[in-house]
N, C-alpha and C. Protein backbone atom coordinates (compact mmCIF):
# COMPACT_ATOMS: atom_id res chain seq x y z
N MET A 1 0.57 -16.54 35.55
CA MET A 1 0.39 -17.25 34.30
C MET A 1 -1.00 -17.02 33.73
N ARG A 2 -1.99 -16.92 34.59
CA ARG A 2 -3.36 -16.78 34.13
C ARG A 2 -3.57 -15.44 33.40
N ARG A 3 -2.96 -14.35 33.90
CA ARG A 3 -3.15 -13.03 33.28
C ARG A 3 -2.70 -12.96 31.83
N PRO A 4 -1.48 -13.42 31.52
CA PRO A 4 -1.07 -13.36 30.11
C PRO A 4 -1.98 -14.16 29.20
N VAL A 5 -2.46 -15.31 29.67
CA VAL A 5 -3.36 -16.14 28.85
C VAL A 5 -4.67 -15.41 28.61
N ILE A 6 -5.22 -14.80 29.66
CA ILE A 6 -6.47 -14.04 29.52
C ILE A 6 -6.28 -12.89 28.55
N ALA A 7 -5.15 -12.17 28.65
CA ALA A 7 -4.88 -11.05 27.75
C ALA A 7 -4.81 -11.52 26.30
N LEU A 8 -4.16 -12.67 26.06
CA LEU A 8 -4.08 -13.19 24.69
C LEU A 8 -5.44 -13.59 24.16
N VAL A 9 -6.26 -14.22 25.00
CA VAL A 9 -7.59 -14.63 24.56
C VAL A 9 -8.45 -13.42 24.24
N VAL A 10 -8.45 -12.41 25.13
CA VAL A 10 -9.24 -11.21 24.89
C VAL A 10 -8.76 -10.49 23.64
N GLY A 11 -7.45 -10.37 23.46
CA GLY A 11 -6.90 -9.74 22.26
C GLY A 11 -7.30 -10.49 21.01
N GLY A 12 -7.24 -11.82 21.06
CA GLY A 12 -7.65 -12.63 19.91
C GLY A 12 -9.12 -12.49 19.59
N LEU A 13 -9.95 -12.40 20.61
CA LEU A 13 -11.39 -12.22 20.39
C LEU A 13 -11.68 -10.88 19.74
N SER A 14 -10.96 -9.82 20.15
CA SER A 14 -11.24 -8.51 19.56
C SER A 14 -10.85 -8.48 18.09
N ILE A 15 -9.77 -9.15 17.73
CA ILE A 15 -9.39 -9.21 16.31
C ILE A 15 -10.40 -10.04 15.54
N THR A 16 -10.80 -11.18 16.10
CA THR A 16 -11.77 -12.04 15.43
C THR A 16 -13.07 -11.31 15.19
N SER A 17 -13.57 -10.57 16.19
CA SER A 17 -14.83 -9.87 16.00
C SER A 17 -14.69 -8.73 14.99
N ALA A 18 -13.54 -8.09 14.94
CA ALA A 18 -13.35 -7.01 13.97
C ALA A 18 -13.28 -7.57 12.56
N ILE A 19 -12.64 -8.73 12.42
CA ILE A 19 -12.50 -9.33 11.09
C ILE A 19 -13.82 -9.94 10.63
N ALA A 20 -14.59 -10.48 11.56
CA ALA A 20 -15.85 -11.15 11.22
C ALA A 20 -16.85 -10.18 10.59
N GLY A 21 -16.90 -8.96 11.07
CA GLY A 21 -17.82 -7.97 10.54
C GLY A 21 -17.20 -7.24 9.36
N GLU A 22 -17.96 -6.35 8.79
CA GLU A 22 -17.45 -5.52 7.70
C GLU A 22 -16.43 -4.53 8.26
N PRO A 23 -15.22 -4.46 7.68
CA PRO A 23 -14.22 -3.51 8.19
C PRO A 23 -14.74 -2.07 8.10
N ALA A 24 -14.42 -1.30 9.12
CA ALA A 24 -14.85 0.10 9.19
C ALA A 24 -13.89 0.98 8.40
N VAL A 25 -14.38 1.62 7.34
CA VAL A 25 -13.55 2.52 6.54
C VAL A 25 -13.24 3.76 7.37
N PHE A 26 -11.94 4.07 7.48
CA PHE A 26 -11.54 5.26 8.23
C PHE A 26 -10.97 6.35 7.33
N HIS A 27 -10.67 6.01 6.08
CA HIS A 27 -10.14 7.02 5.16
C HIS A 27 -10.44 6.62 3.72
N ALA A 28 -10.86 7.57 2.92
CA ALA A 28 -11.09 7.34 1.49
C ALA A 28 -10.43 8.48 0.72
N GLU A 29 -9.75 8.13 -0.34
CA GLU A 29 -9.06 9.11 -1.18
C GLU A 29 -9.65 9.04 -2.58
N HIS A 30 -10.06 10.18 -3.11
CA HIS A 30 -10.67 10.26 -4.43
C HIS A 30 -9.62 10.80 -5.42
N PHE A 31 -9.47 10.11 -6.54
CA PHE A 31 -8.49 10.50 -7.55
C PHE A 31 -9.18 11.01 -8.81
N SER A 32 -8.43 11.73 -9.63
CA SER A 32 -9.00 12.39 -10.81
C SER A 32 -9.54 11.42 -11.85
N ASP A 33 -9.09 10.17 -11.84
CA ASP A 33 -9.60 9.20 -12.81
C ASP A 33 -10.84 8.46 -12.29
N ASP A 34 -11.53 9.05 -11.32
CA ASP A 34 -12.73 8.47 -10.73
C ASP A 34 -12.47 7.17 -9.97
N THR A 35 -11.27 7.04 -9.43
CA THR A 35 -10.93 5.91 -8.57
C THR A 35 -11.01 6.37 -7.13
N VAL A 36 -11.60 5.53 -6.30
CA VAL A 36 -11.67 5.80 -4.86
C VAL A 36 -10.93 4.68 -4.15
N VAL A 37 -9.90 5.03 -3.40
CA VAL A 37 -9.15 4.06 -2.61
C VAL A 37 -9.58 4.22 -1.16
N SER A 38 -10.00 3.11 -0.55
CA SER A 38 -10.49 3.13 0.83
C SER A 38 -9.58 2.31 1.73
N LEU A 39 -9.32 2.85 2.91
CA LEU A 39 -8.57 2.15 3.94
C LEU A 39 -9.54 1.82 5.07
N ALA A 40 -9.52 0.58 5.52
CA ALA A 40 -10.46 0.14 6.56
C ALA A 40 -9.71 -0.54 7.69
N LEU A 41 -10.26 -0.42 8.87
CA LEU A 41 -9.71 -1.06 10.05
C LEU A 41 -10.18 -2.51 10.07
N ALA A 42 -9.26 -3.44 9.79
CA ALA A 42 -9.60 -4.85 9.69
C ALA A 42 -9.29 -5.62 10.97
N GLY A 43 -8.54 -5.04 11.86
CA GLY A 43 -8.20 -5.67 13.13
C GLY A 43 -7.62 -4.64 14.07
N ASN A 44 -7.81 -4.86 15.37
CA ASN A 44 -7.40 -3.89 16.35
C ASN A 44 -7.21 -4.61 17.69
N ARG A 45 -6.01 -4.52 18.25
CA ARG A 45 -5.77 -5.12 19.56
C ARG A 45 -4.76 -4.27 20.33
N ALA A 46 -4.65 -4.53 21.61
CA ALA A 46 -3.67 -3.83 22.43
C ALA A 46 -2.27 -4.17 21.91
N ALA A 47 -1.42 -3.17 21.83
CA ALA A 47 -0.07 -3.37 21.32
C ALA A 47 0.79 -4.11 22.33
N LEU A 48 1.59 -5.02 21.85
CA LEU A 48 2.54 -5.71 22.70
C LEU A 48 3.87 -4.96 22.77
N LEU A 49 4.13 -4.11 21.79
CA LEU A 49 5.37 -3.34 21.73
C LEU A 49 5.25 -2.12 22.64
N PRO A 50 6.18 -1.96 23.57
CA PRO A 50 6.12 -0.79 24.47
C PRO A 50 6.15 0.53 23.69
N GLY A 51 5.41 1.51 24.19
CA GLY A 51 5.38 2.82 23.55
C GLY A 51 4.22 3.01 22.59
N TYR A 52 3.42 1.97 22.39
CA TYR A 52 2.26 2.04 21.51
C TYR A 52 1.04 1.51 22.25
N ASP A 53 -0.12 2.00 21.87
CA ASP A 53 -1.37 1.57 22.50
C ASP A 53 -2.06 0.47 21.71
N TYR A 54 -2.03 0.56 20.38
CA TYR A 54 -2.76 -0.38 19.54
C TYR A 54 -1.91 -0.91 18.41
N ASP A 55 -2.16 -2.16 18.08
CA ASP A 55 -1.58 -2.84 16.93
C ASP A 55 -2.78 -3.09 16.01
N VAL A 56 -2.78 -2.50 14.83
CA VAL A 56 -3.95 -2.57 13.96
C VAL A 56 -3.60 -3.23 12.63
N LEU A 57 -4.62 -3.74 11.98
CA LEU A 57 -4.50 -4.26 10.63
C LEU A 57 -5.39 -3.42 9.72
N ILE A 58 -4.83 -3.04 8.58
CA ILE A 58 -5.53 -2.18 7.63
C ILE A 58 -5.77 -2.95 6.34
N SER A 59 -6.99 -2.87 5.84
CA SER A 59 -7.29 -3.45 4.53
C SER A 59 -7.43 -2.30 3.52
N ILE A 60 -7.09 -2.59 2.28
CA ILE A 60 -7.13 -1.58 1.22
C ILE A 60 -8.00 -2.09 0.08
N SER A 61 -8.87 -1.21 -0.40
CA SER A 61 -9.68 -1.56 -1.57
C SER A 61 -9.78 -0.34 -2.48
N SER A 62 -10.04 -0.59 -3.74
CA SER A 62 -10.25 0.52 -4.68
C SER A 62 -11.47 0.22 -5.52
N ARG A 63 -12.12 1.30 -5.92
CA ARG A 63 -13.33 1.19 -6.73
C ARG A 63 -13.28 2.26 -7.81
N ARG A 64 -13.57 1.85 -9.04
CA ARG A 64 -13.67 2.80 -10.15
C ARG A 64 -15.12 3.20 -10.28
N VAL A 65 -15.40 4.46 -10.13
CA VAL A 65 -16.77 4.96 -10.19
C VAL A 65 -17.35 4.76 -11.59
N VAL A 66 -16.53 4.94 -12.62
CA VAL A 66 -16.98 4.88 -14.01
C VAL A 66 -17.59 3.52 -14.36
N ASP A 67 -16.88 2.44 -14.05
CA ASP A 67 -17.38 1.12 -14.45
C ASP A 67 -17.76 0.23 -13.26
N GLY A 68 -17.57 0.71 -12.05
CA GLY A 68 -17.96 -0.04 -10.87
C GLY A 68 -17.02 -1.17 -10.48
N SER A 69 -15.88 -1.28 -11.18
CA SER A 69 -14.95 -2.36 -10.85
C SER A 69 -14.33 -2.13 -9.47
N VAL A 70 -14.10 -3.23 -8.76
CA VAL A 70 -13.59 -3.18 -7.40
C VAL A 70 -12.37 -4.08 -7.29
N TYR A 71 -11.37 -3.61 -6.57
CA TYR A 71 -10.20 -4.43 -6.25
C TYR A 71 -10.04 -4.43 -4.73
N ASN A 72 -9.95 -5.61 -4.14
CA ASN A 72 -9.69 -5.75 -2.71
C ASN A 72 -8.32 -6.37 -2.53
N ASP A 73 -7.41 -5.61 -1.93
CA ASP A 73 -6.07 -6.12 -1.65
C ASP A 73 -6.20 -7.30 -0.70
N PRO A 74 -5.67 -8.46 -1.06
CA PRO A 74 -5.84 -9.64 -0.20
C PRO A 74 -5.03 -9.56 1.09
N GLY A 75 -4.05 -8.67 1.16
CA GLY A 75 -3.21 -8.57 2.35
C GLY A 75 -3.81 -7.65 3.40
N LYS A 76 -3.30 -7.78 4.60
CA LYS A 76 -3.64 -6.87 5.69
C LYS A 76 -2.33 -6.19 6.08
N HIS A 77 -2.38 -4.88 6.26
CA HIS A 77 -1.19 -4.09 6.49
C HIS A 77 -1.16 -3.62 7.94
N ARG A 78 -0.05 -3.86 8.61
CA ARG A 78 0.08 -3.61 10.04
C ARG A 78 0.54 -2.18 10.30
N ALA A 79 -0.02 -1.59 11.36
CA ALA A 79 0.43 -0.29 11.85
C ALA A 79 0.30 -0.29 13.37
N LEU A 80 1.12 0.52 14.01
CA LEU A 80 1.06 0.70 15.46
C LEU A 80 0.59 2.12 15.73
N VAL A 81 -0.20 2.29 16.78
CA VAL A 81 -0.77 3.61 17.08
C VAL A 81 -0.50 3.94 18.55
N LYS A 82 -0.04 5.16 18.77
CA LYS A 82 0.10 5.69 20.13
C LYS A 82 -0.87 6.85 20.28
N CYS A 83 -1.79 6.73 21.24
CA CYS A 83 -2.84 7.73 21.40
C CYS A 83 -2.39 8.96 22.18
N SER A 84 -1.60 8.74 23.23
CA SER A 84 -1.21 9.85 24.10
C SER A 84 -0.06 10.65 23.49
N ASP A 85 0.20 11.79 24.08
CA ASP A 85 1.24 12.69 23.59
C ASP A 85 2.62 12.08 23.78
N PRO A 86 3.48 12.04 22.80
CA PRO A 86 3.27 12.50 21.44
C PRO A 86 2.55 11.44 20.60
N ALA A 87 1.40 11.80 20.08
CA ALA A 87 0.59 10.89 19.27
C ALA A 87 1.35 10.55 17.99
N LYS A 88 1.26 9.25 17.61
CA LYS A 88 1.97 8.83 16.39
C LYS A 88 1.37 7.56 15.83
N VAL A 89 1.67 7.34 14.55
CA VAL A 89 1.34 6.11 13.85
C VAL A 89 2.66 5.59 13.29
N SER A 90 2.91 4.30 13.47
CA SER A 90 4.15 3.70 12.99
C SER A 90 3.83 2.64 11.94
N VAL A 91 4.52 2.74 10.81
CA VAL A 91 4.36 1.79 9.71
C VAL A 91 5.75 1.34 9.29
N ARG A 92 5.97 0.03 9.34
CA ARG A 92 7.26 -0.55 8.96
C ARG A 92 8.43 0.10 9.70
N GLY A 93 8.24 0.40 10.97
CA GLY A 93 9.30 0.96 11.79
C GLY A 93 9.51 2.45 11.67
N VAL A 94 8.72 3.12 10.86
CA VAL A 94 8.83 4.57 10.71
C VAL A 94 7.69 5.22 11.47
N ASP A 95 8.04 6.11 12.42
CA ASP A 95 7.03 6.82 13.20
C ASP A 95 6.62 8.11 12.50
N TYR A 96 5.31 8.30 12.38
CA TYR A 96 4.75 9.50 11.79
C TYR A 96 3.97 10.23 12.88
N PRO A 97 4.39 11.45 13.23
CA PRO A 97 3.66 12.17 14.27
C PRO A 97 2.26 12.56 13.80
N VAL A 98 1.31 12.52 14.71
CA VAL A 98 -0.05 12.96 14.42
C VAL A 98 -0.25 14.25 15.20
N LEU A 99 -0.25 15.35 14.49
CA LEU A 99 -0.35 16.67 15.11
C LEU A 99 -1.69 17.30 14.80
N ALA A 100 -2.25 17.99 15.79
CA ALA A 100 -3.54 18.66 15.59
C ALA A 100 -3.44 19.72 14.50
N SER A 101 -2.28 20.33 14.36
CA SER A 101 -2.12 21.41 13.38
C SER A 101 -1.79 20.91 11.97
N ALA A 102 -1.48 19.63 11.83
CA ALA A 102 -1.09 19.08 10.53
C ALA A 102 -2.32 18.83 9.65
N PRO A 103 -2.14 18.83 8.34
CA PRO A 103 -3.24 18.50 7.44
C PRO A 103 -3.73 17.07 7.72
N VAL A 104 -4.99 16.84 7.51
CA VAL A 104 -5.57 15.52 7.75
C VAL A 104 -5.13 14.59 6.61
N ASP A 105 -4.61 13.44 6.98
CA ASP A 105 -4.22 12.42 6.02
C ASP A 105 -4.67 11.07 6.57
N TRP A 106 -4.30 9.99 5.92
CA TRP A 106 -4.77 8.68 6.36
C TRP A 106 -4.26 8.32 7.74
N LYS A 107 -3.05 8.78 8.10
CA LYS A 107 -2.50 8.47 9.41
C LYS A 107 -3.29 9.16 10.51
N ALA A 108 -3.64 10.41 10.29
CA ALA A 108 -4.46 11.14 11.27
C ALA A 108 -5.86 10.53 11.37
N ASP A 109 -6.41 10.11 10.24
CA ASP A 109 -7.73 9.46 10.26
C ASP A 109 -7.67 8.12 10.98
N LEU A 110 -6.59 7.36 10.80
CA LEU A 110 -6.42 6.10 11.52
C LEU A 110 -6.34 6.37 13.02
N TRP A 111 -5.51 7.34 13.40
CA TRP A 111 -5.37 7.69 14.81
C TRP A 111 -6.72 8.06 15.41
N ARG A 112 -7.47 8.88 14.69
CA ARG A 112 -8.80 9.31 15.17
C ARG A 112 -9.75 8.12 15.31
N ALA A 113 -9.72 7.21 14.36
CA ALA A 113 -10.62 6.04 14.38
C ALA A 113 -10.31 5.12 15.56
N VAL A 114 -9.04 5.02 15.93
CA VAL A 114 -8.64 4.11 16.99
C VAL A 114 -8.65 4.77 18.37
N CYS A 115 -8.26 6.04 18.42
CA CYS A 115 -8.01 6.69 19.72
C CYS A 115 -9.15 7.55 20.25
N THR A 116 -10.09 7.94 19.42
CA THR A 116 -11.16 8.82 19.93
C THR A 116 -12.40 8.00 20.23
N VAL A 117 -13.10 8.43 21.24
CA VAL A 117 -14.32 7.74 21.66
C VAL A 117 -15.47 8.24 20.79
N PRO A 118 -16.24 7.32 20.20
CA PRO A 118 -17.37 7.74 19.37
C PRO A 118 -18.42 8.47 20.21
N VAL A 119 -19.02 9.49 19.60
CA VAL A 119 -20.07 10.25 20.26
C VAL A 119 -21.38 9.91 19.56
N SER A 120 -22.39 9.56 20.36
CA SER A 120 -23.67 9.19 19.73
C SER A 120 -24.73 10.23 19.99
């Protein structure tokens, strides 16, 4: 009984600490109308669903370079990440493979942000 409680507390603390600080932007997309849409890691914990390593929350914001206006999506969007082979990101029940040979997109950037160890 003690182990599940400890796991829940530790998982809750990691989400709380991630949300308390400024979310780490892992992907930004620049559009022709001078809009920049940024995806940030707003929460990260061990996945409870078998077959995945992490259960993450993503925040979305956009900024218009021309006038400086900013929009922050009030919602947090859930994704599941599997780091080991076959690497994948799951959104709303759809698995997207993360392949080394594939073009870099937001899913690959999310996988990299969660699964790779930072080098200092």
